[in-house]
Amino acid sequence: MHFPVDLGNELVSDPNFPKKLEGVLNAIKPEAVYFAPTEGERGVYMVVNIASADMIAGISEPLWQMFKCKLELIPVMVLDDLKKALQNLKK
C-alpha cells in the first residue's frame, strides 16, 4: 500500500498513527511487513496469507477506511503451489 505525500504527512504527524497501524496489522496478521518508499510516496509492503478470496475485503477495507491508502494486491505462489499447478496443467 502507499500513501499520497500530503496524506502521508498528515498520518505521520498524528501521534496515534503508530498505535492505529499496529492495531490494523494485528487484525490482518501479516507474515511480514516492510516500510519503504514507493513511487515517490510512503509505502508499506505486506506478505499476507489469503486462504480464500473472501478474505480480501477483511484485509483491504480497514486499510482503505482508516488510512485512505492505495492498495495493490499481487497473488503469489510458493514452490509447492507451483508444482501442484503444473501437475494440474498436465491433466
Protein backbone atom coordinates (compact mmCIF):
# COMPACT_ATOMS: atom_id res chain seq x y z
CA MET A 1 0.00 0.00 0.00
CA HIS A 2 1.11 3.56 -0.40
CA PHE A 3 0.03 6.97 0.77
CA PRO A 4 -0.04 10.19 -1.28
CA VAL A 5 2.55 12.61 0.14
CA ASP A 6 0.05 15.03 1.72
CA LEU A 7 -1.90 12.20 3.36
CA GLY A 8 1.34 10.54 4.49
CA ASN A 9 2.47 13.81 6.08
CA GLU A 10 -0.85 14.04 7.91
CA LEU A 11 -0.65 10.43 9.10
CA VAL A 12 2.89 10.58 10.46
CA SER A 13 2.07 13.86 12.24
CA ASP A 14 -0.67 12.07 14.18
CA PRO A 15 0.86 10.83 17.46
CA ASN A 16 -1.67 7.97 17.42
CA PHE A 17 -0.65 6.72 13.96
CA PRO A 18 1.79 4.04 15.18
CA LYS A 19 -0.83 2.62 17.54
CA LYS A 20 -3.53 2.69 14.83
CA LEU A 21 -1.22 0.99 12.34
CA GLU A 22 -0.23 -1.64 14.87
CA GLY A 23 -3.91 -2.34 15.63
CA VAL A 24 -4.74 -2.87 11.96
CA LEU A 25 -1.67 -5.03 11.43
CA ASN A 26 -2.56 -7.15 14.47
CA ALA A 27 -6.01 -7.71 12.96
CA ILE A 28 -4.64 -8.59 9.49
CA LYS A 29 -1.81 -10.75 10.89
CA PRO A 30 0.68 -10.37 8.02
CA GLU A 31 3.58 -12.80 7.86
CA ALA A 32 5.94 -9.88 7.21
CA VAL A 33 5.73 -6.08 6.92
CA TYR A 34 8.24 -3.77 5.24
CA PHE A 35 8.23 0.04 5.08
CA ALA A 36 9.89 1.70 2.07
CA PRO A 37 9.44 4.50 -0.43
CA THR A 38 7.31 3.53 -3.44
CA GLU A 39 6.51 5.68 -6.46
CA GLY A 40 7.86 8.70 -4.55
CA GLU A 41 5.46 8.17 -1.66
CA ARG A 42 5.46 6.35 1.67
CA GLY A 43 4.91 2.66 1.15
CA VAL A 44 4.18 -0.48 3.10
CA TYR A 45 4.67 -3.98 1.74
CA MET A 46 2.93 -6.85 3.48
CA VAL A 47 3.04 -10.57 2.97
CA VAL A 48 -0.39 -11.92 3.86
CA ASN A 49 -1.62 -15.49 3.53
CA ILE A 50 -5.02 -15.30 1.85
CA ALA A 51 -6.58 -18.75 2.05
CA SER A 52 -9.71 -17.71 0.13
CA ALA A 53 -10.82 -14.71 -1.91
CA ASP A 54 -13.43 -13.66 0.67
CA MET A 55 -10.57 -12.61 2.97
CA ILE A 56 -9.63 -9.76 0.62
CA ALA A 57 -12.34 -7.42 1.90
CA GLY A 58 -11.39 -8.06 5.52
CA ILE A 59 -7.82 -7.08 4.75
CA SER A 60 -8.48 -4.19 2.35
CA GLU A 61 -11.40 -2.36 3.96
CA PRO A 62 -9.73 -1.47 7.27
CA LEU A 63 -6.70 -0.12 5.39
CA TRP A 64 -8.80 1.96 2.99
CA GLN A 65 -11.10 3.28 5.68
CA MET A 66 -8.53 4.07 8.34
CA PHE A 67 -5.63 5.23 6.18
CA LYS A 68 -7.24 6.15 2.82
CA CYS A 69 -4.27 4.43 1.18
CA LYS A 70 -3.88 2.92 -2.26
CA LEU A 71 -3.64 -0.88 -2.34
CA GLU A 72 -2.30 -3.31 -4.88
CA LEU A 73 -2.87 -6.99 -4.25
CA ILE A 74 -0.49 -9.35 -6.03
CA PRO A 75 -1.19 -13.07 -5.72
CA VAL A 76 1.93 -15.20 -5.50
CA MET A 77 2.75 -18.89 -5.06
CA VAL A 78 5.30 -20.83 -3.11
CA LEU A 79 7.17 -23.66 -4.83
CA ASP A 80 4.71 -26.33 -3.65
CA ASP A 81 1.80 -24.32 -5.13
CA LEU A 82 3.64 -24.01 -8.43
CA LYS A 83 4.36 -27.75 -8.54
CA LYS A 84 0.69 -28.51 -7.91
CA ALA A 85 -0.39 -26.02 -10.57
CA LEU A 86 1.99 -27.53 -13.12
CA GLN A 87 0.70 -31.02 -12.35
CA ASN A 88 -2.86 -29.80 -12.88
CA LEU A 89 -1.89 -28.38 -16.28
CA LYS A 90 -0.91 -31.87 -17.43
CA LYS A 91 -4.39 -33.26 -16.68
